[in-house]
Amino acid sequence: MDDTPPKILGRPRARIKTMDAAVAFVKSKSAEVLAAKIAEVGAAEDAITTDSQVGDVPATGKVPRRSKPRKESHGLMPLHHPNRDFFLCDMFDYALKDDGVSMEAPIFSLSTKADTSIWHWESKDSLRAITVTPSVKGRATQFDKDLLIYVVSQMTEALNRERPDAQTRVVRFRVYDYLVSTNKPTGGKEYQRLQDALERLTGTRIKTNIKTGGVRVKEMFGLIESATIVEKAPDDESMIAVEVTLSKWLFNAVQAHEVLTINPDYFRLRKPIERRLYELARKHCGDQARFVIGVELLQDKCGSQSSLKEFRRALREVIEADTLPDYKLAIDNDKSQVVICMRDAKKLALNMAIKIPIRGGLAQ
């Protein structure tokens, strides 16, 4: 008779208890790890939300990854440089200036694609006219104008400080300074975009009877007479500094102080039509309580080449987005007019209280 004890099917009871305890331990640890991960992800999402609003990076110094970037088709662009370098403050504290003549006449293309067609504009009274002939690179765009605003602002500040360099049409600047002051990223693509803008600005030729500084420039000219890259990075071909020579026409406007201060948030407007509408509001409404203009005349002032129906649609989108600095727009469909009002409620109430005359449309 065999005294060998019978084999026990399955796992020994002691081993079963040990393994069950191990599984329970692993599960508890997994729960802890999972909870920690959930908290970490939540904190990261909060950081993403906060940082996307101010354009900064989280306190950890690491930018969290996002599987699908959030598309922002409405609202202002992010503020890319909320805290500027301390050694640039002196340069960036001056007020940004836009020349009055290009705020009035629609010189710049609203298209984001190369516009190679000749553009002619004439005021309703036929007293002012301008013909813009683009190069093969296309007509200078509303975004290209950022460079002119930057250069005009520096030249105006030099005039205000009575610096001798304000008497020359040549302005030299660091590309990095330009990118920061116009709220652009400082990556390599922006350097290429600047070079493209310089080519369009120098290649766009203008013929006009509009005087600047009381002087009429009769020959055809470019907004920028010439542009020279004076320095390049030693390790690549990116620009470091640029030297720009303004046209006599634009230079005369600056010398005569035919400029207006603009809100820095202008550079955060996403669409060319938004920027153009802000310019017209700043030029014609200014510090008035409100300003009224016909829709068709506003389209002409914007330089829009779309149909009136399409322009109305674009105008409604701008009104709904409500992102223009300093001003609010409203459309009166019955009268086919656009009303431009000051955004500052206190200034608006004050102007209405003292009964400042309301300018009712543009005669020119």
Protein backbone atom coordinates (compact mmCIF):
# COMPACT_ATOMS: atom_id res chain seq x y z
CA MET A 1 0.00 0.00 0.00
CA ASP A 2 1.35 3.34 -1.03
CA ASP A 3 1.70 5.75 1.93
CA THR A 4 2.48 8.72 -0.31
CA PRO A 5 0.05 11.52 0.55
CA PRO A 6 -2.38 12.38 -2.24
CA LYS A 7 -1.51 15.35 -4.49
CA ILE A 8 -3.50 18.51 -3.87
CA LEU A 9 -4.99 19.92 -7.02
CA GLY A 10 -4.52 23.66 -7.48
CA ARG A 11 -2.35 26.02 -5.43
CA PRO A 12 -1.44 25.36 -1.78
CA ARG A 13 -3.66 27.26 0.65
CA ALA A 14 -0.74 29.26 2.16
CA ARG A 15 0.48 30.27 -1.29
CA ILE A 16 -3.06 31.35 -2.25
CA LYS A 17 -3.24 33.66 0.76
CA THR A 18 0.18 35.13 -0.02
CA MET A 19 -0.69 35.79 -3.64
CA ASP A 20 -4.07 37.31 -2.75
CA ALA A 21 -2.33 39.67 -0.35
CA ALA A 22 0.17 40.63 -3.04
CA VAL A 23 -2.59 41.32 -5.55
CA ALA A 24 -4.42 43.46 -3.02
CA PHE A 25 -1.21 45.38 -2.32
CA VAL A 26 -0.55 45.97 -6.03
CA LYS A 27 -4.12 47.12 -6.54
CA SER A 28 -3.84 49.58 -3.68
CA LYS A 29 -0.56 50.90 -5.02
CA SER A 30 -2.04 51.16 -8.51
CA ALA A 31 -4.91 53.14 -7.10
CA GLU A 32 -2.46 55.49 -5.39
CA VAL A 33 -0.41 55.88 -8.56
CA LEU A 34 -3.56 56.40 -10.60
CA ALA A 35 -4.81 59.05 -8.19
CA ALA A 36 -1.44 60.78 -8.29
CA LYS A 37 -1.47 60.71 -12.11
CA ILE A 38 -4.98 62.13 -12.19
CA ALA A 39 -3.93 64.96 -9.88
CA GLU A 40 -0.81 65.57 -11.99
CA VAL A 41 -2.82 65.71 -15.21
CA GLY A 42 -5.35 68.05 -13.61
CA ALA A 43 -2.58 70.39 -12.48
CA ALA A 44 -1.04 70.27 -15.93
CA GLU A 45 -4.37 71.14 -17.56
CA ASP A 46 -4.77 74.07 -15.17
CA ALA A 47 -1.28 75.24 -16.09
CA ILE A 48 -2.07 74.94 -19.79
CA THR A 49 -5.24 76.99 -19.38
CA THR A 50 -3.47 79.68 -17.40
CA ASP A 51 -0.41 79.81 -19.61
CA SER A 52 -2.43 79.96 -22.82
CA GLN A 53 -4.05 83.10 -21.48
CA VAL A 54 -0.89 84.96 -20.55
CA GLY A 55 1.56 83.43 -23.00
CA ASP A 56 3.97 82.27 -20.30
CA VAL A 57 5.29 78.86 -19.21
CA PRO A 58 4.35 77.01 -15.99
CA ALA A 59 6.32 77.51 -12.80
CA THR A 60 7.97 74.12 -13.31
CA GLY A 61 9.74 75.49 -16.37
CA LYS A 62 8.29 72.70 -18.53
CA VAL A 63 5.57 73.22 -21.08
CA PRO A 64 2.97 70.42 -20.74
CA ARG A 65 2.20 68.46 -23.84
CA ARG A 66 -1.22 68.70 -25.33
CA SER A 67 -2.44 65.97 -27.65
CA LYS A 68 -4.64 68.28 -29.71
CA PRO A 69 -3.75 71.98 -29.70
CA ARG A 70 -6.69 74.19 -28.93
CA LYS A 71 -7.70 76.27 -31.94
CA GLU A 72 -8.58 79.87 -31.15
CA SER A 73 -10.31 81.38 -34.14
CA HIS A 74 -11.83 84.24 -32.15
CA GLY A 75 -10.52 86.74 -29.66
CA LEU A 76 -7.16 88.43 -29.40
CA MET A 77 -3.88 86.69 -30.09
CA PRO A 78 -1.94 85.56 -26.99
CA LEU A 79 0.33 88.13 -25.40
CA HIS A 80 3.68 86.58 -26.35
CA HIS A 81 5.87 88.88 -24.25
CA PRO A 82 4.05 89.93 -21.04
CA ASN A 83 7.34 90.51 -19.22
CA ARG A 84 9.85 92.22 -21.47
CA ASP A 85 13.56 92.21 -20.88
CA PHE A 86 14.55 95.01 -18.50
CA PHE A 87 17.16 96.38 -20.89
CA LEU A 88 14.49 96.81 -23.56
CA CYS A 89 12.06 98.78 -21.43
CA ASP A 90 13.45 102.16 -22.44
CA MET A 91 12.87 101.32 -26.07
CA PHE A 92 9.43 99.81 -25.63
CA ASP A 93 7.93 102.39 -23.32
CA TYR A 94 7.36 104.88 -26.14
CA ALA A 95 3.87 105.20 -27.59
CA LEU A 96 3.26 103.29 -30.80
CA LYS A 97 2.52 105.62 -33.72
CA ASP A 98 0.74 105.09 -37.01
CA ASP A 99 1.03 107.55 -39.88
CA GLY A 100 -2.21 109.36 -40.62
CA VAL A 101 -2.09 109.09 -44.39
CA SER A 102 -1.94 105.30 -44.59
CA MET A 103 -4.61 105.14 -41.89
CA GLU A 104 -6.85 107.17 -44.20
CA ALA A 105 -6.09 105.67 -47.62
CA PRO A 106 -6.35 101.88 -48.11
CA ILE A 107 -2.80 101.21 -49.26
CA PHE A 108 -2.29 97.75 -47.79
CA SER A 109 -3.86 94.53 -49.01
CA LEU A 110 -6.35 92.76 -46.76
CA SER A 111 -5.63 89.46 -48.47
CA THR A 112 -3.43 86.84 -46.83
CA LYS A 113 -2.43 85.56 -50.29
CA ALA A 114 -0.15 87.30 -52.77
CA ASP A 115 -2.11 90.16 -54.35
CA THR A 116 -0.40 91.09 -57.63
CA SER A 117 -3.18 93.27 -59.05
CA ILE A 118 -2.78 97.04 -59.42
CA TRP A 119 -4.91 98.82 -56.83
CA HIS A 120 -6.41 102.28 -57.41
CA TRP A 121 -8.34 104.27 -54.83
CA GLU A 122 -9.97 107.67 -55.12
CA SER A 123 -11.82 109.70 -52.53
CA LYS A 124 -15.49 110.44 -53.10
CA ASP A 125 -14.73 114.10 -53.86
CA SER A 126 -11.99 113.04 -56.35
CA LEU A 127 -9.46 115.30 -54.61
CA ARG A 128 -7.24 112.47 -53.41
CA ALA A 129 -6.15 109.42 -55.31
CA ILE A 130 -3.56 106.71 -54.95
CA THR A 131 -2.38 103.95 -57.26
CA VAL A 132 -0.50 101.01 -55.76
CA THR A 133 1.52 98.75 -58.07
CA PRO A 134 2.79 95.54 -56.47
CA SER A 135 5.87 93.54 -57.37
CA VAL A 136 5.80 89.86 -58.32
CA LYS A 137 5.91 89.19 -54.54
CA GLY A 138 2.52 90.89 -54.16
CA ARG A 139 1.24 94.11 -52.62
CA ALA A 140 2.32 94.95 -49.08
CA THR A 141 -0.22 93.52 -46.62
CA GLN A 142 -1.90 94.88 -43.52
CA PHE A 143 0.40 92.65 -41.45
CA ASP A 144 3.47 94.03 -43.28
CA LYS A 145 2.48 97.43 -41.95
CA ASP A 146 3.65 96.33 -38.48
CA LEU A 147 7.18 97.11 -39.62
CA LEU A 148 6.24 100.65 -40.68
CA ILE A 149 4.43 101.29 -37.40
CA TYR A 150 7.52 100.15 -35.50
CA VAL A 151 9.89 102.34 -37.56
CA VAL A 152 7.57 105.36 -37.46
CA SER A 153 7.23 104.99 -33.68
CA GLN A 154 11.00 105.00 -33.20
CA MET A 155 11.44 108.00 -35.47
CA THR A 156 8.65 109.91 -33.70
CA GLU A 157 10.22 109.20 -30.33
CA ALA A 158 13.57 110.46 -31.65
CA LEU A 159 11.84 113.67 -32.79
CA ASN A 160 10.18 114.14 -29.41
CA ARG A 161 13.56 113.78 -27.70
CA GLU A 162 15.19 116.09 -30.27
CA ARG A 163 17.77 113.49 -31.19
CA PRO A 164 19.87 114.29 -34.28
CA ASP A 165 19.21 110.87 -35.85
CA ALA A 166 15.55 111.89 -36.27
CA GLN A 167 16.55 114.03 -39.25
CA THR A 168 17.61 111.07 -41.36
CA ARG A 169 15.36 108.67 -43.27
CA VAL A 170 17.52 105.70 -42.24
CA VAL A 171 16.48 103.65 -39.21
CA ARG A 172 18.45 100.69 -37.88
CA PHE A 173 16.92 98.21 -35.44
CA ARG A 174 17.43 94.76 -33.95
CA VAL A 175 15.06 92.16 -35.34
CA TYR A 176 14.47 90.71 -31.88
CA ASP A 177 13.34 94.13 -30.60
CA TYR A 178 10.92 94.47 -33.50
CA LEU A 179 9.43 91.01 -32.91
CA VAL A 180 8.92 91.62 -29.20
CA SER A 181 7.40 95.09 -29.57
CA THR A 182 4.90 93.90 -32.21
CA ASN A 183 3.89 90.85 -30.13
CA LYS A 184 5.38 88.22 -32.40
CA PRO A 185 7.11 84.96 -31.45
CA THR A 186 10.89 85.03 -31.75
CA GLY A 187 11.27 81.75 -33.63
CA GLY A 188 13.04 81.25 -36.94
CA LYS A 189 9.85 81.48 -39.01
CA GLU A 190 9.29 85.08 -37.92
CA TYR A 191 12.68 86.08 -39.31
CA GLN A 192 11.68 84.67 -42.69
CA ARG A 193 8.31 86.43 -42.51
CA LEU A 194 10.11 89.72 -41.82
CA GLN A 195 12.32 89.22 -44.85
CA ASP A 196 9.23 88.55 -47.00
CA ALA A 197 7.58 91.69 -45.61
CA LEU A 198 10.65 93.77 -46.43
CA GLU A 199 10.56 92.51 -50.02
CA ARG A 200 6.87 93.40 -50.40
CA LEU A 201 7.30 96.82 -48.77
CA THR A 202 10.23 97.76 -50.99
CA GLY A 203 8.60 96.26 -54.09
CA THR A 204 5.21 97.95 -53.67
CA ARG A 205 5.26 101.19 -55.68
CA ILE A 206 2.96 104.15 -55.03
CA LYS A 207 1.79 107.08 -57.13
CA THR A 208 -0.42 109.63 -55.38
CA ASN A 209 -1.45 113.27 -55.17
CA ILE A 210 -1.85 113.07 -51.38
CA LYS A 211 0.44 115.52 -49.64
CA THR A 212 2.44 114.69 -46.51
CA GLY A 213 3.90 117.52 -44.50
CA GLY A 214 2.46 119.92 -47.08
CA VAL A 215 4.68 118.39 -49.79
CA ARG A 216 3.51 116.36 -52.77
CA VAL A 217 5.93 113.68 -53.97
CA LYS A 218 5.20 113.35 -57.70
CA GLU A 219 7.40 110.43 -58.69
CA MET A 220 6.54 106.80 -58.02
CA PHE A 221 8.09 105.51 -54.82
CA GLY A 222 8.07 102.60 -52.40
CA LEU A 223 6.84 102.76 -48.83
CA ILE A 224 10.36 101.69 -47.97
CA GLU A 225 13.06 102.95 -50.32
CA SER A 226 15.53 100.24 -49.37
CA ALA A 227 16.25 97.63 -46.72
CA THR A 228 19.64 96.17 -45.81
CA ILE A 229 20.50 93.29 -43.51
CA VAL A 230 23.48 94.68 -41.59
CA GLU A 231 24.18 91.66 -39.38
CA LYS A 232 23.59 87.92 -39.48
CA ALA A 233 23.93 85.28 -36.82
CA PRO A 234 27.36 83.58 -37.03
CA ASP A 235 25.90 80.05 -37.02
CA ASP A 236 23.12 80.57 -39.58
CA GLU A 237 21.68 83.03 -42.07
CA SER A 238 19.03 84.59 -39.80
CA MET A 239 18.89 88.37 -39.52
CA ILE A 240 20.06 90.13 -36.37
CA ALA A 241 19.79 93.78 -37.40
CA VAL A 242 18.15 95.56 -40.31
CA GLU A 243 18.63 99.03 -41.76
CA VAL A 244 15.57 100.58 -43.41
CA THR A 245 15.35 103.77 -45.48
CA LEU A 246 11.88 105.32 -45.44
CA SER A 247 10.41 106.94 -48.54
CA LYS A 248 10.34 110.75 -48.66
CA TRP A 249 6.55 110.61 -48.64
CA LEU A 250 6.35 108.73 -45.35
CA PHE A 251 9.31 110.59 -43.85
CA ASN A 252 7.59 113.95 -44.51
CA ALA A 253 4.48 112.70 -42.66
CA VAL A 254 6.57 111.78 -39.61
CA GLN A 255 8.50 115.05 -39.63
CA ALA A 256 5.20 116.98 -39.72
CA HIS A 257 3.90 114.86 -36.79
CA GLU A 258 1.06 113.54 -38.93
CA VAL A 259 0.87 110.48 -36.72
CA LEU A 260 -1.56 109.05 -34.19
CA THR A 261 -0.94 106.93 -31.10
CA ILE A 262 -2.41 103.42 -31.33
CA ASN A 263 -3.21 100.81 -28.69
CA PRO A 264 -0.52 98.06 -28.37
CA ASP A 265 -3.32 95.49 -28.54
CA TYR A 266 -3.57 96.37 -32.22
CA PHE A 267 -0.82 93.76 -32.73
CA ARG A 268 -3.01 91.13 -31.10
CA LEU A 269 -5.80 91.47 -33.65
CA ARG A 270 -5.92 88.32 -35.78
CA LYS A 271 -7.58 89.45 -39.00
CA PRO A 272 -6.46 92.15 -41.47
CA ILE A 273 -10.02 93.54 -41.57
CA GLU A 274 -9.98 93.95 -37.77
CA ARG A 275 -6.76 95.93 -37.93
CA ARG A 276 -8.06 98.10 -40.75
CA LEU A 277 -11.31 98.82 -38.92
CA TYR A 278 -9.36 99.79 -35.80
CA GLU A 279 -7.26 102.23 -37.84
CA LEU A 280 -10.36 103.88 -39.27
CA ALA A 281 -11.98 104.06 -35.83
CA ARG A 282 -8.84 105.63 -34.38
CA LYS A 283 -8.53 108.06 -37.30
CA HIS A 284 -12.15 109.24 -37.56
CA CYS A 285 -13.72 108.58 -34.16
CA GLY A 286 -10.67 109.37 -32.04
CA ASP A 287 -11.85 110.78 -28.70
CA GLN A 288 -15.34 111.56 -29.96
CA ALA A 289 -18.30 109.87 -28.31
CA ARG A 290 -19.22 108.10 -31.51
CA PHE A 291 -18.88 108.18 -35.27
CA VAL A 292 -21.35 107.08 -37.95
CA ILE A 293 -20.44 105.92 -41.45
CA GLY A 294 -22.32 104.18 -44.26
CA VAL A 295 -21.52 100.52 -44.83
CA GLU A 296 -20.57 101.03 -48.49
CA LEU A 297 -18.30 103.95 -47.66
CA LEU A 298 -16.70 101.94 -44.88
CA GLN A 299 -16.02 99.13 -47.33
CA ASP A 300 -14.37 101.63 -49.66
CA LYS A 301 -12.25 103.03 -46.81
CA CYS A 302 -11.19 99.52 -45.80
CA GLY A 303 -10.05 98.76 -49.33
CA SER A 304 -12.10 95.56 -49.37
CA GLN A 305 -12.42 93.99 -52.81
CA SER A 306 -15.12 91.52 -51.75
CA SER A 307 -18.81 91.89 -52.54
CA LEU A 308 -20.93 94.09 -50.30
CA LYS A 309 -22.72 90.99 -49.00
CA GLU A 310 -19.42 89.35 -48.07
CA PHE A 311 -18.16 92.57 -46.46
CA ARG A 312 -21.32 92.75 -44.33
CA ARG A 313 -20.74 89.17 -43.21
CA ALA A 314 -17.11 89.92 -42.25
CA LEU A 315 -18.26 93.06 -40.47
CA ARG A 316 -20.81 91.11 -38.41
CA GLU A 317 -18.08 88.65 -37.37
CA VAL A 318 -15.90 91.51 -36.14
CA ILE A 319 -18.82 93.01 -34.22
CA GLU A 320 -19.62 89.65 -32.59
CA ALA A 321 -15.98 89.02 -31.67
CA ASP A 322 -15.81 92.53 -30.11
CA THR A 323 -12.02 92.56 -29.91
CA LEU A 324 -11.16 96.05 -31.23
CA PRO A 325 -9.16 97.99 -28.63
CA ASP A 326 -10.75 101.25 -27.42
CA TYR A 327 -13.80 101.04 -29.71
CA LYS A 328 -17.04 99.11 -30.17
CA LEU A 329 -18.91 98.69 -33.44
CA ALA A 330 -22.61 98.28 -34.14
CA ILE A 331 -24.49 98.04 -37.42
CA ASP A 332 -27.80 99.70 -38.21
CA ASN A 333 -29.27 97.53 -40.95
CA ASP A 334 -32.26 99.82 -41.52
CA LYS A 335 -30.04 102.79 -42.34
CA SER A 336 -27.15 100.67 -43.69
CA GLN A 337 -24.75 102.42 -41.32
CA VAL A 338 -22.04 101.43 -38.86
CA VAL A 339 -21.81 103.19 -35.50
CA ILE A 340 -18.38 103.37 -33.87
CA CYS A 341 -18.38 104.20 -30.13
CA MET A 342 -15.68 104.65 -27.53
CA ARG A 343 -15.23 101.57 -25.36
CA ASP A 344 -14.30 103.54 -22.23
CA ALA A 345 -17.64 104.08 -20.50
CA LYS A 346 -16.38 107.02 -18.42
CA LYS A 347 -15.02 108.90 -21.44
CA LEU A 348 -18.16 108.10 -23.40
CA ALA A 349 -20.41 109.41 -20.62
CA LEU A 350 -18.26 112.53 -20.22
CA ASN A 351 -18.31 113.28 -23.93
CA MET A 352 -22.06 112.77 -24.11
CA ALA A 353 -22.55 114.97 -21.02
CA ILE A 354 -20.66 117.93 -22.50
CA LYS A 355 -22.47 117.36 -25.80
CA ILE A 356 -19.52 117.01 -28.11
CA PRO A 357 -20.86 117.28 -31.68
CA ILE A 358 -21.26 113.88 -33.33
CA ARG A 359 -19.63 113.54 -36.70
CA GLY A 360 -22.24 111.89 -38.89
CA GLY A 361 -20.31 110.14 -41.64
CA LEU A 362 -17.39 110.76 -43.95
CA ALA A 363 -17.77 113.34 -46.66
CA GLN A 364 -14.44 112.56 -48.30
